[in-house]
PDB file of N, CA and C in Angstrom:
ATOM      1  N   MET A   1       1.988 -11.229   5.134  1.00  0.00           N
ATOM      2  CA  MET A   1       2.154  -9.976   4.417  1.00  0.00           C
ATOM      3  C   MET A   1       3.371  -9.197   4.895  1.00  0.00           C
ATOM      4  N   MET A   2       3.693  -9.325   6.161  1.00  0.00           N
ATOM      5  CA  MET A   2       4.796  -8.533   6.710  1.00  0.00           C
ATOM      6  C   MET A   2       6.148  -9.164   6.430  1.00  0.00           C
ATOM      7  N   TRP A   3       6.219 -10.488   6.441  1.00  0.00           N
ATOM      8  CA  TRP A   3       7.530 -11.124   6.380  1.00  0.00           C
ATOM      9  C   TRP A   3       8.082 -11.204   4.965  1.00  0.00           C
ATOM     10  N   GLY A   4       7.232 -11.335   3.964  1.00  0.00           N
ATOM     11  CA  GLY A   4       7.706 -11.397   2.580  1.00  0.00           C
ATOM     12  C   GLY A   4       8.473 -10.143   2.178  1.00  0.00           C
ATOM     13  N   PRO A   5       7.877  -8.968   2.306  1.00  0.00           N
ATOM     14  CA  PRO A   5       8.599  -7.741   1.944  1.00  0.00           C
ATOM     15  C   PRO A   5       9.475  -7.194   3.067  1.00  0.00           C
ATOM     16  N   ARG A   6       9.619  -7.922   4.184  1.00  0.00           N
ATOM     17  CA  ARG A   6      10.441  -7.493   5.330  1.00  0.00           C
ATOM     18  C   ARG A   6       9.964  -6.144   5.877  1.00  0.00           C
ATOM     19  N   ILE A   7       8.696  -6.090   6.222  1.00  0.00           N
ATOM     20  CA  ILE A   7       8.109  -4.887   6.805  1.00  0.00           C
ATOM     21  C   ILE A   7       8.267  -4.968   8.323  1.00  0.00           C
ATOM     22  N   PRO A   8       8.667  -3.873   8.984  1.00  0.00           N
ATOM     23  CA  PRO A   8       8.824  -3.884  10.439  1.00  0.00           C
ATOM     24  C   PRO A   8       7.514  -4.183  11.168  1.00  0.00           C
ATOM     25  N   VAL A   9       7.632  -4.733  12.361  1.00  0.00           N
ATOM     26  CA  VAL A   9       6.476  -5.121  13.174  1.00  0.00           C
ATOM     27  C   VAL A   9       5.599  -3.912  13.505  1.00  0.00           C
ATOM     28  N   GLY A  10       6.155  -2.733  13.540  1.00  0.00           N
ATOM     29  CA  GLY A  10       5.388  -1.525  13.849  1.00  0.00           C
ATOM     30  C   GLY A  10       4.311  -1.201  12.828  1.00  0.00           C
ATOM     31  N   PHE A  11       4.310  -1.865  11.696  1.00  0.00           N
ATOM     32  CA  PHE A  11       3.312  -1.617  10.657  1.00  0.00           C
ATOM     33  C   PHE A  11       2.183  -2.639  10.685  1.00  0.00           C
ATOM     34  N   TRP A  12       1.992  -3.309  11.806  1.00  0.00           N
ATOM     35  CA  TRP A  12       0.976  -4.353  11.882  1.00  0.00           C
ATOM     36  C   TRP A  12      -0.424  -3.810  11.628  1.00  0.00           C
ATOM     37  N   LEU A  13      -0.703  -2.563  12.021  1.00  0.00           N
ATOM     38  CA  LEU A  13      -2.019  -1.978  11.788  1.00  0.00           C
ATOM     39  C   LEU A  13      -2.295  -1.845  10.291  1.00  0.00           C
ATOM     40  N   GLU A  14      -1.299  -1.441   9.528  1.00  0.00           N
ATOM     41  CA  GLU A  14      -1.461  -1.316   8.080  1.00  0.00           C
ATOM     42  C   GLU A  14      -1.687  -2.693   7.450  1.00  0.00           C
ATOM     43  N   VAL A  15      -1.004  -3.707   7.983  1.00  0.00           N
ATOM     44  CA  VAL A  15      -1.171  -5.068   7.472  1.00  0.00           C
ATOM     45  C   VAL A  15      -2.591  -5.564   7.734  1.00  0.00           C
ATOM     46  N   VAL A  16      -3.095  -5.341   8.930  1.00  0.00           N
ATOM     47  CA  VAL A  16      -4.456  -5.776   9.281  1.00  0.00           C
ATOM     48  C   VAL A  16      -5.482  -5.036   8.434  1.00  0.00           C
ATOM     49  N   ARG A  17      -5.287  -3.741   8.260  1.00  0.00           N
ATOM     50  CA  ARG A  17      -6.200  -2.931   7.448  1.00  0.00           C
ATOM     51  C   ARG A  17      -6.210  -3.429   5.996  1.00  0.00           C
ATOM     52  N   ASN A  18      -5.044  -3.741   5.463  1.00  0.00           N
ATOM     53  CA  ASN A  18      -4.937  -4.236   4.094  1.00  0.00           C
ATOM     54  C   ASN A  18      -5.560  -5.629   3.972  1.00  0.00           C
ATOM     55  N   ALA A  19      -5.347  -6.482   4.966  1.00  0.00           N
ATOM     56  CA  ALA A  19      -5.930  -7.827   4.947  1.00  0.00           C
ATOM     57  C   ALA A  19      -7.462  -7.761   4.969  1.00  0.00           C
ATOM     58  N   ALA A  20      -8.032  -6.861   5.762  1.00  0.00           N
ATOM     59  CA  ALA A  20      -9.488  -6.697   5.812  1.00  0.00           C
ATOM     60  C   ALA A  20     -10.021  -6.194   4.469  1.00  0.00           C
ATOM     61  N   TYR A  21      -9.293  -5.261   3.858  1.00  0.00           N
ATOM     62  CA  TYR A  21      -9.681  -4.742   2.547  1.00  0.00           C
ATOM     63  C   TYR A  21      -9.744  -5.885   1.523  1.00  0.00           C
ATOM     64  N   LEU A  22      -8.706  -6.733   1.520  1.00  0.00           N
ATOM     65  CA  LEU A  22      -8.663  -7.841   0.568  1.00  0.00           C
ATOM     66  C   LEU A  22      -9.713  -8.912   0.884  1.00  0.00           C
ATOM     67  N   LYS A  23      -9.942  -9.167   2.165  1.00  0.00           N
ATOM     68  CA  LYS A  23     -10.935 -10.169   2.565  1.00  0.00           C
ATOM     69  C   LYS A  23     -12.336  -9.751   2.111  1.00  0.00           C
ATOM     70  N   ASN A  24     -12.639  -8.461   2.202  1.00  0.00           N
ATOM     71  CA  ASN A  24     -13.949  -7.966   1.775  1.00  0.00           C
ATOM     72  C   ASN A  24     -14.115  -7.982   0.260  1.00  0.00           C
ATOM     73  N   ARG A  25     -13.037  -8.169  -0.458  1.00  0.00           N
ATOM     74  CA  ARG A  25     -13.092  -8.247  -1.915  1.00  0.00           C
ATOM     75  C   ARG A  25     -12.847  -9.655  -2.429  1.00  0.00           C
ATOM     76  N   SER A  26     -12.851 -10.621  -1.520  1.00  0.00           N
ATOM     77  CA  SER A  26     -12.698 -12.028  -1.886  1.00  0.00           C
ATOM     78  C   SER A  26     -14.063 -12.704  -1.824  1.00  0.00           C
ATOM     79  N   PRO A  27     -14.418 -13.503  -2.826  1.00  0.00           N
ATOM     80  CA  PRO A  27     -15.753 -14.103  -2.844  1.00  0.00           C
ATOM     81  C   PRO A  27     -15.922 -15.198  -1.794  1.00  0.00           C
ATOM     82  N   TYR A  28     -17.113 -15.243  -1.234  1.00  0.00           N
ATOM     83  CA  TYR A  28     -17.483 -16.340  -0.352  1.00  0.00           C
ATOM     84  C   TYR A  28     -17.943 -17.505  -1.218  1.00  0.00           C
ATOM     85  N   ARG A  29     -17.496 -18.698  -0.876  1.00  0.00           N
ATOM     86  CA  ARG A  29     -17.820 -19.875  -1.667  1.00  0.00           C
ATOM     87  C   ARG A  29     -19.332 -20.133  -1.666  1.00  0.00           C
ATOM     88  N   VAL A  30     -19.994 -19.935  -0.533  1.00  0.00           N
ATOM     89  CA  VAL A  30     -21.417 -20.228  -0.419  1.00  0.00           C
ATOM     90  C   VAL A  30     -22.241 -19.256  -1.269  1.00  0.00           C
ATOM     91  N   LEU A  31     -21.892 -17.962  -1.208  1.00  0.00           N
ATOM     92  CA  LEU A  31     -22.673 -16.953  -1.911  1.00  0.00           C
ATOM     93  C   LEU A  31     -22.220 -16.740  -3.355  1.00  0.00           C
ATOM     94  N   GLY A  32     -20.933 -16.947  -3.607  1.00  0.00           N
ATOM     95  CA  GLY A  32     -20.408 -16.731  -4.941  1.00  0.00           C
ATOM     96  C   GLY A  32     -20.111 -15.278  -5.269  1.00  0.00           C
ATOM     97  N   ILE A  33     -20.313 -14.383  -4.313  1.00  0.00           N
ATOM     98  CA  ILE A  33     -19.990 -12.967  -4.518  1.00  0.00           C
ATOM     99  C   ILE A  33     -19.220 -12.455  -3.304  1.00  0.00           C
ATOM    100  N   THR A  34     -18.652 -11.279  -3.434  1.00  0.00           N
ATOM    101  CA  THR A  34     -17.868 -10.698  -2.342  1.00  0.00           C
ATOM    102  C   THR A  34     -18.766  -9.924  -1.385  1.00  0.00           C
ATOM    103  N   PRO A  35     -18.315  -9.711  -0.144  1.00  0.00           N
ATOM    104  CA  PRO A  35     -19.100  -8.893   0.784  1.00  0.00           C
ATOM    105  C   PRO A  35     -19.328  -7.468   0.264  1.00  0.00           C
ATOM    106  N   CYS A  36     -18.341  -6.909  -0.422  1.00  0.00           N
ATOM    107  CA  CYS A  36     -18.511  -5.554  -0.973  1.00  0.00           C
ATOM    108  C   CYS A  36     -19.571  -5.520  -2.056  1.00  0.00           C
ATOM    109  N   GLU A  37     -19.641  -6.579  -2.879  1.00  0.00           N
ATOM    110  CA  GLU A  37     -20.672  -6.635  -3.910  1.00  0.00           C
ATOM    111  C   GLU A  37     -22.057  -6.752  -3.286  1.00  0.00           C
ATOM    112  N   MET A  38     -22.150  -7.476  -2.175  1.00  0.00           N
ATOM    113  CA  MET A  38     -23.437  -7.559  -1.468  1.00  0.00           C
ATOM    114  C   MET A  38     -23.827  -6.207  -0.893  1.00  0.00           C
ATOM    115  N   TRP A  39     -22.878  -5.526  -0.305  1.00  0.00           N
ATOM    116  CA  TRP A  39     -23.148  -4.253   0.380  1.00  0.00           C
ATOM    117  C   TRP A  39     -23.478  -3.139  -0.605  1.00  0.00           C
ATOM    118  N   PHE A  40     -22.644  -2.988  -1.648  1.00  0.00           N
ATOM    119  CA  PHE A  40     -22.811  -1.879  -2.590  1.00  0.00           C
ATOM    120  C   PHE A  40     -23.717  -2.223  -3.768  1.00  0.00           C
ATOM    121  N   LYS A  41     -24.064  -3.496  -3.918  1.00  0.00           N
ATOM    122  CA  LYS A  41     -24.947  -3.965  -4.982  1.00  0.00           C
ATOM    123  C   LYS A  41     -24.424  -3.617  -6.381  1.00  0.00           C
ATOM    124  N   LYS A  42     -23.108  -3.721  -6.560  1.00  0.00           N
ATOM    125  CA  LYS A  42     -22.503  -3.522  -7.881  1.00  0.00           C
ATOM    126  C   LYS A  42     -21.202  -4.307  -7.958  1.00  0.00           C
ATOM    127  N   LYS A  43     -20.791  -4.598  -9.185  1.00  0.00           N
ATOM    128  CA  LYS A  43     -19.554  -5.338  -9.428  1.00  0.00           C
ATOM    129  C   LYS A  43     -18.360  -4.427  -9.156  1.00  0.00           C
ATOM    130  N   LEU A  44     -17.349  -4.953  -8.447  1.00  0.00           N
ATOM    131  CA  LEU A  44     -16.174  -4.159  -8.092  1.00  0.00           C
ATOM    132  C   LEU A  44     -15.069  -4.311  -9.129  1.00  0.00           C
ATOM    133  N   ASN A  45     -14.281  -3.259  -9.285  1.00  0.00           N
ATOM    134  CA  ASN A  45     -13.110  -3.287 -10.151  1.00  0.00           C
ATOM    135  C   ASN A  45     -11.913  -3.722  -9.314  1.00  0.00           C
ATOM    136  N   LEU A  46     -11.356  -4.884  -9.615  1.00  0.00           N
ATOM    137  CA  LEU A  46     -10.229  -5.407  -8.852  1.00  0.00           C
ATOM    138  C   LEU A  46      -8.890  -5.149  -9.539  1.00  0.00           C
ATOM    139  N   ASN A  47      -8.871  -4.336 -10.587  1.00  0.00           N
ATOM    140  CA  ASN A  47      -7.629  -4.017 -11.291  1.00  0.00           C
ATOM    141  C   ASN A  47      -6.605  -3.273 -10.437  1.00  0.00           C
ATOM    142  N   PRO A  48      -7.003  -2.370  -9.536  1.00  0.00           N
ATOM    143  CA  PRO A  48      -5.981  -1.626  -8.795  1.00  0.00           C
ATOM    144  C   PRO A  48      -5.305  -2.399  -7.664  1.00  0.00           C
ATOM    145  N   LEU A  49      -5.543  -3.696  -7.520  1.00  0.00           N
ATOM    146  CA  LEU A  49      -4.903  -4.453  -6.446  1.00  0.00           C
ATOM    147  C   LEU A  49      -3.399  -4.574  -6.693  1.00  0.00           C
ATOM    148  N   GLN A  50      -2.612  -4.297  -5.657  1.00  0.00           N
ATOM    149  CA  GLN A  50      -1.149  -4.321  -5.747  1.00  0.00           C
ATOM    150  C   GLN A  50      -0.589  -5.211  -4.636  1.00  0.00           C
ATOM    151  N   ILE A  51       0.682  -5.548  -4.748  1.00  0.00           N
ATOM    152  CA  ILE A  51       1.348  -6.367  -3.735  1.00  0.00           C
ATOM    153  C   ILE A  51       1.742  -5.478  -2.551  1.00  0.00           C
ATOM    154  N   PHE A  52       1.320  -5.875  -1.361  1.00  0.00           N
ATOM    155  CA  PHE A  52       1.611  -5.107  -0.154  1.00  0.00           C
ATOM    156  C   PHE A  52       3.116  -5.058   0.097  1.00  0.00           C
ATOM    157  N   GLY A  53       3.627  -3.875   0.400  1.00  0.00           N
ATOM    158  CA  GLY A  53       5.037  -3.707   0.726  1.00  0.00           C
ATOM    159  C   GLY A  53       5.941  -3.551  -0.476  1.00  0.00           C
ATOM    160  N   CYS A  54       5.354  -3.433  -1.680  1.00  0.00           N
ATOM    161  CA  CYS A  54       6.207  -3.282  -2.864  1.00  0.00           C
ATOM    162  C   CYS A  54       6.723  -1.845  -2.970  1.00  0.00           C
ATOM    163  N   HIS A  55       7.819  -1.709  -3.681  1.00  0.00           N
ATOM    164  CA  HIS A  55       8.460  -0.413  -3.892  1.00  0.00           C
ATOM    165  C   HIS A  55       7.580   0.407  -4.825  1.00  0.00           C
ATOM    166  N   CYS A  56       7.448   1.703  -4.564  1.00  0.00           N
ATOM    167  CA  CYS A  56       6.649   2.540  -5.444  1.00  0.00           C
ATOM    168  C   CYS A  56       7.187   3.964  -5.467  1.00  0.00           C
ATOM    169  N   TYR A  57       6.798   4.680  -6.491  1.00  0.00           N
ATOM    170  CA  TYR A  57       7.163   6.082  -6.655  1.00  0.00           C
ATOM    171  C   TYR A  57       5.904   6.881  -6.956  1.00  0.00           C
ATOM    172  N   THR A  58       5.878   8.114  -6.491  1.00  0.00           N
ATOM    173  CA  THR A  58       4.755   8.996  -6.764  1.00  0.00           C
ATOM    174  C   THR A  58       5.261  10.425  -6.902  1.00  0.00           C
ATOM    175  N   HIS A  59       4.426  11.277  -7.434  1.00  0.00           N
ATOM    176  CA  HIS A  59       4.801  12.674  -7.640  1.00  0.00           C
ATOM    177  C   HIS A  59       4.669  13.449  -6.331  1.00  0.00           C
ATOM    178  N   LEU A  60       5.623  14.304  -6.065  1.00  0.00           N
ATOM    179  CA  LEU A  60       5.596  15.150  -4.876  1.00  0.00           C
ATOM    180  C   LEU A  60       5.159  16.550  -5.302  1.00  0.00           C
ATOM    181  N   GLU A  61       4.089  17.029  -4.719  1.00  0.00           N
ATOM    182  CA  GLU A  61       3.526  18.323  -5.095  1.00  0.00           C
ATOM    183  C   GLU A  61       4.477  19.467  -4.767  1.00  0.00           C
ATOM    184  N   ASP A  62       4.316  20.595  -5.457  1.00  0.00           N
ATOM    185  CA  ASP A  62       5.185  21.759  -5.290  1.00  0.00           C
ATOM    186  C   ASP A  62       5.170  22.294  -3.861  1.00  0.00           C
ATOM    187  N   GLU A  63       4.010  22.281  -3.215  1.00  0.00           N
ATOM    188  CA  GLU A  63       3.918  22.846  -1.863  1.00  0.00           C
ATOM    189  C   GLU A  63       4.604  21.980  -0.808  1.00  0.00           C
ATOM    190  N   ASN A  64       4.933  20.742  -1.154  1.00  0.00           N
ATOM    191  CA  ASN A  64       5.576  19.830  -0.208  1.00  0.00           C
ATOM    192  C   ASN A  64       7.077  19.685  -0.424  1.00  0.00           C
ATOM    193  N   ARG A  65       7.650  20.524  -1.264  1.00  0.00           N
ATOM    194  CA  ARG A  65       9.091  20.432  -1.506  1.00  0.00           C
ATOM    195  C   ARG A  65       9.663  21.820  -1.751  1.00  0.00           C
ATOM    196  N   LYS A  66      10.984  21.895  -1.630  1.00  0.00           N
ATOM    197  CA  LYS A  66      11.684  23.145  -1.894  1.00  0.00           C
ATOM    198  C   LYS A  66      12.138  23.170  -3.345  1.00  0.00           C
ATOM    199  N   LYS A  67      12.712  24.276  -3.760  1.00  0.00           N
ATOM    200  CA  LYS A  67      13.034  24.493  -5.165  1.00  0.00           C
ATOM    201  C   LYS A  67      13.899  23.388  -5.781  1.00  0.00           C
ATOM    202  N   TRP A  68      14.929  22.967  -5.099  1.00  0.00           N
ATOM    203  CA  TRP A  68      15.864  22.010  -5.674  1.00  0.00           C
ATOM    204  C   TRP A  68      15.602  20.571  -5.223  1.00  0.00           C
ATOM    205  N   ASP A  69      14.537  20.340  -4.501  1.00  0.00           N
ATOM    206  CA  ASP A  69      14.198  18.985  -4.074  1.00  0.00           C
ATOM    207  C   ASP A  69      13.675  18.157  -5.252  1.00  0.00           C
ATOM    208  N   SER A  70      13.708  16.866  -5.088  1.00  0.00           N
ATOM    209  CA  SER A  70      13.229  15.951  -6.119  1.00  0.00           C
ATOM    210  C   SER A  70      11.712  16.066  -6.274  1.00  0.00           C
ATOM    211  N   HIS A  71      11.231  15.824  -7.485  1.00  0.00           N
ATOM    212  CA  HIS A  71       9.796  15.822  -7.769  1.00  0.00           C
ATOM    213  C   HIS A  71       9.180  14.463  -7.471  1.00  0.00           C
ATOM    214  N   ILE A  72      10.017  13.495  -7.141  1.00  0.00           N
ATOM    215  CA  ILE A  72       9.565  12.120  -6.957  1.00  0.00           C
ATOM    216  C   ILE A  72       9.677  11.715  -5.492  1.00  0.00           C
ATOM    217  N   LEU A  73       8.628  11.086  -4.996  1.00  0.00           N
ATOM    218  CA  LEU A  73       8.619  10.551  -3.640  1.00  0.00           C
ATOM    219  C   LEU A  73       8.806   9.042  -3.730  1.00  0.00           C
ATOM    220  N   GLU A  74       9.839   8.537  -3.078  1.00  0.00           N
ATOM    221  CA  GLU A  74      10.109   7.104  -3.045  1.00  0.00           C
ATOM    222  C   GLU A  74       9.424   6.515  -1.826  1.00  0.00           C
ATOM    223  N   GLY A  75       8.734   5.409  -2.009  1.00  0.00           N
ATOM    224  CA  GLY A  75       8.029   4.854  -0.868  1.00  0.00           C
ATOM    225  C   GLY A  75       7.723   3.381  -0.995  1.00  0.00           C
ATOM    226  N   LEU A  76       6.944   2.917  -0.031  1.00  0.00           N
ATOM    227  CA  LEU A  76       6.457   1.537   0.008  1.00  0.00           C
ATOM    228  C   LEU A  76       4.944   1.561   0.014  1.00  0.00           C
ATOM    229  N   PHE A  77       4.355   0.648  -0.715  1.00  0.00           N
ATOM    230  CA  PHE A  77       2.906   0.543  -0.758  1.00  0.00           C
ATOM    231  C   PHE A  77       2.402  -0.062   0.550  1.00  0.00           C
ATOM    232  N   MET A  78       1.541   0.677   1.263  1.00  0.00           N
ATOM    233  CA  MET A  78       1.052   0.238   2.569  1.00  0.00           C
ATOM    234  C   MET A  78      -0.439  -0.070   2.591  1.00  0.00           C
ATOM    235  N   GLY A  79      -1.090  -0.029   1.445  1.00  0.00           N
ATOM    236  CA  GLY A  79      -2.495  -0.414   1.431  1.00  0.00           C
ATOM    237  C   GLY A  79      -3.385   0.578   0.714  1.00  0.00           C
ATOM    238  N   TYR A  80      -4.674   0.373   0.909  1.00  0.00           N
ATOM    239  CA  TYR A  80      -5.694   1.132   0.213  1.00  0.00           C
ATOM    240  C   TYR A  80      -6.450   1.991   1.212  1.00  0.00           C
ATOM    241  N   LEU A  81      -6.953   3.103   0.743  1.00  0.00           N
ATOM    242  CA  LEU A  81      -7.798   3.948   1.571  1.00  0.00           C
ATOM    243  C   LEU A  81      -9.238   3.777   1.115  1.00  0.00           C
ATOM    244  N   PRO A  82     -10.205   4.119   1.955  1.00  0.00           N
ATOM    245  CA  PRO A  82     -11.606   3.860   1.619  1.00  0.00           C
ATOM    246  C   PRO A  82     -12.078   4.497   0.307  1.00  0.00           C
ATOM    247  N   HIS A  83     -11.445   5.559  -0.107  1.00  0.00           N
ATOM    248  CA  HIS A  83     -11.861   6.231  -1.339  1.00  0.00           C
ATOM    249  C   HIS A  83     -11.240   5.526  -2.538  1.00  0.00           C
ATOM    250  N   ASP A  84     -11.967   5.457  -3.620  1.00  0.00           N
ATOM    251  CA  ASP A  84     -11.488   4.755  -4.813  1.00  0.00           C
ATOM    252  C   ASP A  84     -10.241   5.401  -5.379  1.00  0.00           C
ATOM    253  N   GLY A  85      -9.243   4.563  -5.628  1.00  0.00           N
ATOM    254  CA  GLY A  85      -8.038   5.019  -6.299  1.00  0.00           C
ATOM    255  C   GLY A  85      -7.031   5.748  -5.441  1.00  0.00           C
ATOM    256  N   ILE A  86      -7.201   5.758  -4.130  1.00  0.00           N
ATOM    257  CA  ILE A  86      -6.239   6.429  -3.250  1.00  0.00           C
ATOM    258  C   ILE A  86      -5.474   5.362  -2.477  1.00  0.00           C
ATOM    259  N   TYR A  87      -4.153   5.480  -2.509  1.00  0.00           N
ATOM    260  CA  TYR A  87      -3.274   4.503  -1.871  1.00  0.00           C
ATOM    261  C   TYR A  87      -2.553   5.124  -0.679  1.00  0.00           C
ATOM    262  N   ALA A  88      -2.209   4.287   0.282  1.00  0.00           N
ATOM    263  CA  ALA A  88      -1.367   4.700   1.398  1.00  0.00           C
ATOM    264  C   ALA A  88       0.067   4.341   1.031  1.00  0.00           C
ATOM    265  N   VAL A  89       0.941   5.351   1.012  1.00  0.00           N
ATOM    266  CA  VAL A  89       2.341   5.160   0.639  1.00  0.00           C
ATOM    267  C   VAL A  89       3.211   5.598   1.801  1.00  0.00           C
ATOM    268  N   TYR A  90       4.123   4.738   2.204  1.00  0.00           N
ATOM    269  CA  TYR A  90       5.049   5.057   3.283  1.00  0.00           C
ATOM    270  C   TYR A  90       6.250   5.802   2.702  1.00  0.00           C
ATOM    271  N   ASN A  91       6.439   7.044   3.134  1.00  0.00           N
ATOM    272  CA  ASN A  91       7.564   7.872   2.705  1.00  0.00           C
ATOM    273  C   ASN A  91       8.795   7.410   3.479  1.00  0.00           C
ATOM    274  N   VAL A  92       9.747   6.764   2.797  1.00  0.00           N
ATOM    275  CA  VAL A  92      10.902   6.194   3.485  1.00  0.00           C
ATOM    276  C   VAL A  92      11.857   7.263   4.005  1.00  0.00           C
ATOM    277  N   ASN A  93      11.844   8.452   3.428  1.00  0.00           N
ATOM    278  CA  ASN A  93      12.735   9.515   3.889  1.00  0.00           C
ATOM    279  C   ASN A  93      12.218  10.200   5.146  1.00  0.00           C
ATOM    280  N   LYS A  94      10.914  10.501   5.185  1.00  0.00           N
ATOM    281  CA  LYS A  94      10.332  11.207   6.330  1.00  0.00           C
ATOM    282  C   LYS A  94       9.672  10.282   7.339  1.00  0.00           C
ATOM    283  N   ARG A  95       9.593   8.994   6.997  1.00  0.00           N
ATOM    284  CA  ARG A  95       8.964   7.984   7.868  1.00  0.00           C
ATOM    285  C   ARG A  95       7.532   8.355   8.240  1.00  0.00           C
ATOM    286  N   THR A  96       6.760   8.721   7.232  1.00  0.00           N
ATOM    287  CA  THR A  96       5.346   9.031   7.393  1.00  0.00           C
ATOM    288  C   THR A  96       4.550   8.331   6.307  1.00  0.00           C
ATOM    289  N   ILE A  97       3.269   8.150   6.544  1.00  0.00           N
ATOM    290  CA  ILE A  97       2.388   7.571   5.540  1.00  0.00           C
ATOM    291  C   ILE A  97       1.596   8.705   4.912  1.00  0.00           C
ATOM    292  N   VAL A  98       1.605   8.762   3.582  1.00  0.00           N
ATOM    293  CA  VAL A  98       0.906   9.808   2.843  1.00  0.00           C
ATOM    294  C   VAL A  98      -0.156   9.175   1.956  1.00  0.00           C
ATOM    295  N   LYS A  99      -1.172   9.963   1.615  1.00  0.00           N
ATOM    296  CA  LYS A  99      -2.245   9.522   0.721  1.00  0.00           C
ATOM    297  C   LYS A  99      -1.909  10.002  -0.677  1.00  0.00           C
ATOM    298  N   LYS A 100      -1.871   9.066  -1.618  1.00  0.00           N
ATOM    299  CA  LYS A 100      -1.517   9.407  -2.997  1.00  0.00           C
ATOM    300  C   LYS A 100      -2.436   8.699  -3.982  1.00  0.00           C
ATOM    301  N   ARG A 101      -2.707   9.358  -5.088  1.00  0.00           N
ATOM    302  CA  ARG A 101      -3.529   8.782  -6.146  1.00  0.00           C
ATOM    303  C   ARG A 101      -2.675   8.313  -7.324  1.00  0.00           C
ATOM    304  N   ASP A 102      -1.691   9.087  -7.699  1.00  0.00           N
ATOM    305  CA  ASP A 102      -0.850   8.770  -8.862  1.00  0.00           C
ATOM    306  C   ASP A 102       0.416   8.053  -8.406  1.00  0.00           C
ATOM    307  N   VAL A 103       0.361   6.737  -8.388  1.00  0.00           N
ATOM    308  CA  VAL A 103       1.462   5.935  -7.868  1.00  0.00           C
ATOM    309  C   VAL A 103       1.909   4.937  -8.948  1.00  0.00           C
ATOM    310  N   THR A 104       3.220   4.797  -9.103  1.00  0.00           N
ATOM    311  CA  THR A 104       3.790   3.796  -9.994  1.00  0.00           C
ATOM    312  C   THR A 104       4.392   2.694  -9.129  1.00  0.00           C
ATOM    313  N   PHE A 105       3.929   1.479  -9.333  1.00  0.00           N
ATOM    314  CA  PHE A 105       4.331   0.348  -8.498  1.00  0.00           C
ATOM    315  C   PHE A 105       5.393  -0.492  -9.197  1.00  0.00           C
ATOM    316  N   PHE A 106       6.326  -0.985  -8.407  1.00  0.00           N
ATOM    317  CA  PHE A 106       7.339  -1.932  -8.861  1.00  0.00           C
ATOM    318  C   PHE A 106       7.187  -3.186  -8.011  1.00  0.00           C
ATOM    319  N   GLU A 107       6.274  -4.063  -8.425  1.00  0.00           N
ATOM    320  CA  GLU A 107       5.908  -5.223  -7.619  1.00  0.00           C
ATOM    321  C   GLU A 107       7.019  -6.262  -7.505  1.00  0.00           C
ATOM    322  N   HIS A 108       8.020  -6.187  -8.360  1.00  0.00           N
ATOM    323  CA  HIS A 108       9.120  -7.149  -8.285  1.00  0.00           C
ATOM    324  C   HIS A 108      10.148  -6.753  -7.225  1.00  0.00           C
ATOM    325  N   ILE A 109      10.016  -5.541  -6.641  1.00  0.00           N
ATOM    326  CA  ILE A 109      10.915  -5.094  -5.570  1.00  0.00           C
ATOM    327  C   ILE A 109      10.089  -5.001  -4.287  1.00  0.00           C
ATOM    328  N   LEU A 110      10.370  -5.868  -3.328  1.00  0.00           N
ATOM    329  CA  LEU A 110       9.629  -5.863  -2.067  1.00  0.00           C
ATOM    330  C   LEU A 110      10.475  -5.263  -0.966  1.00  0.00           C
ATOM    331  N   GLY A 111       9.852  -4.446  -0.117  1.00  0.00           N
ATOM    332  CA  GLY A 111      10.572  -3.816   0.983  1.00  0.00           C
ATOM    333  C   GLY A 111      11.450  -2.682   0.492  1.00  0.00           C
ATOM    334  N   HIS A 112      12.288  -2.183   1.388  1.00  0.00           N
ATOM    335  CA  HIS A 112      13.203  -1.093   1.059  1.00  0.00           C
ATOM    336  C   HIS A 112      14.501  -1.316   1.812  1.00  0.00           C
ATOM    337  N   PRO A 113      15.656  -1.094   1.168  1.00  0.00           N
ATOM    338  CA  PRO A 113      16.946  -1.334   1.837  1.00  0.00           C
ATOM    339  C   PRO A 113      17.137  -0.522   3.111  1.00  0.00           C
ATOM    340  N   SER A 114      16.563   0.673   3.181  1.00  0.00           N
ATOM    341  CA  SER A 114      16.755   1.507   4.375  1.00  0.00           C
ATOM    342  C   SER A 114      16.039   0.938   5.591  1.00  0.00           C
ATOM    343  N   MET A 115      15.109   0.006   5.414  1.00  0.00           N
ATOM    344  CA  MET A 115      14.356  -0.574   6.524  1.00  0.00           C
ATOM    345  C   MET A 115      15.018  -1.832   7.058  1.00  0.00           C
ATOM    346  N   LYS A 116      16.188  -2.166   6.575  1.00  0.00           N
ATOM    347  CA  LYS A 116      16.850  -3.423   6.916  1.00  0.00           C
ATOM    348  C   LYS A 116      17.139  -3.572   8.410  1.00  0.00           C
ATOM    349  N   GLY A 117      17.512  -2.517   9.086  1.00  0.00           N
ATOM    350  CA  GLY A 117      17.888  -2.634  10.496  1.00  0.00           C
ATOM    351  C   GLY A 117      16.806  -2.245  11.466  1.00  0.00           C
ATOM    352  N   TRP A 118      15.536  -2.353  11.095  1.00  0.00           N
ATOM    353  CA  TRP A 118      14.450  -1.908  11.954  1.00  0.00           C
ATOM    354  C   TRP A 118      13.792  -3.046  12.733  1.00  0.00           C
ATOM    355  N   GLY A 119      14.543  -4.023  13.124  1.00  0.00           N
ATOM    356  CA  GLY A 119      13.974  -5.136  13.891  1.00  0.00           C
ATOM    357  C   GLY A 119      13.131  -6.042  13.027  1.00  0.00           C
ATOM    358  N   LEU A 120      13.635  -6.397  11.882  1.00  0.00           N
ATOM    359  CA  LEU A 120      12.876  -7.195  10.925  1.00  0.00           C
ATOM    360  C   LEU A 120      13.180  -8.672  11.079  1.00  0.00           C
ATOM    361  N   ALA A 121      12.397  -9.436  10.370  1.00  0.00           N
ATOM    362  CA  ALA A 121      12.670 -10.868  10.300  1.00  0.00           C
ATOM    363  C   ALA A 121      13.964 -11.078   9.535  1.00  0.00           C
ATOM    364  N   PRO A 122      14.672 -12.161   9.778  1.00  0.00           N
ATOM    365  CA  PRO A 122      15.937 -12.385   9.076  1.00  0.00           C
ATOM    366  C   PRO A 122      15.753 -12.398   7.564  1.00  0.00           C
ATOM    367  N   GLY A 123      16.750 -11.885   6.867  1.00  0.00           N
ATOM    368  CA  GLY A 123      16.675 -11.876   5.413  1.00  0.00           C
ATOM    369  C   GLY A 123      17.375 -10.722   4.940  1.00  0.00           C
TER     370      GLY A 123
END
């Protein structure tokens, strides 16, 4: 997950968290259902699954910006949060992870050019 989109090694916790999320939503061959379906006793919606480390944009609220700042936050998709429909997005400008619900994903763009010199794998 880290090497495809050229994510820095410092994000290993997000990678592990995302891998566990996906593993719990993958069916076991013996049971034929996922661990989450066993636990919650209902069918899960797998439509919101996205490619880890893909480029994304989201709306920046008025209280988090100044008058002439952009309304759009550029980031990288870093995984899912326990609540339905909330994503973890890495803000490439402030180098922080924010919780966002309204996110537009560009799965054909992996990684971010500004992260190129952060001790990444070659590429």
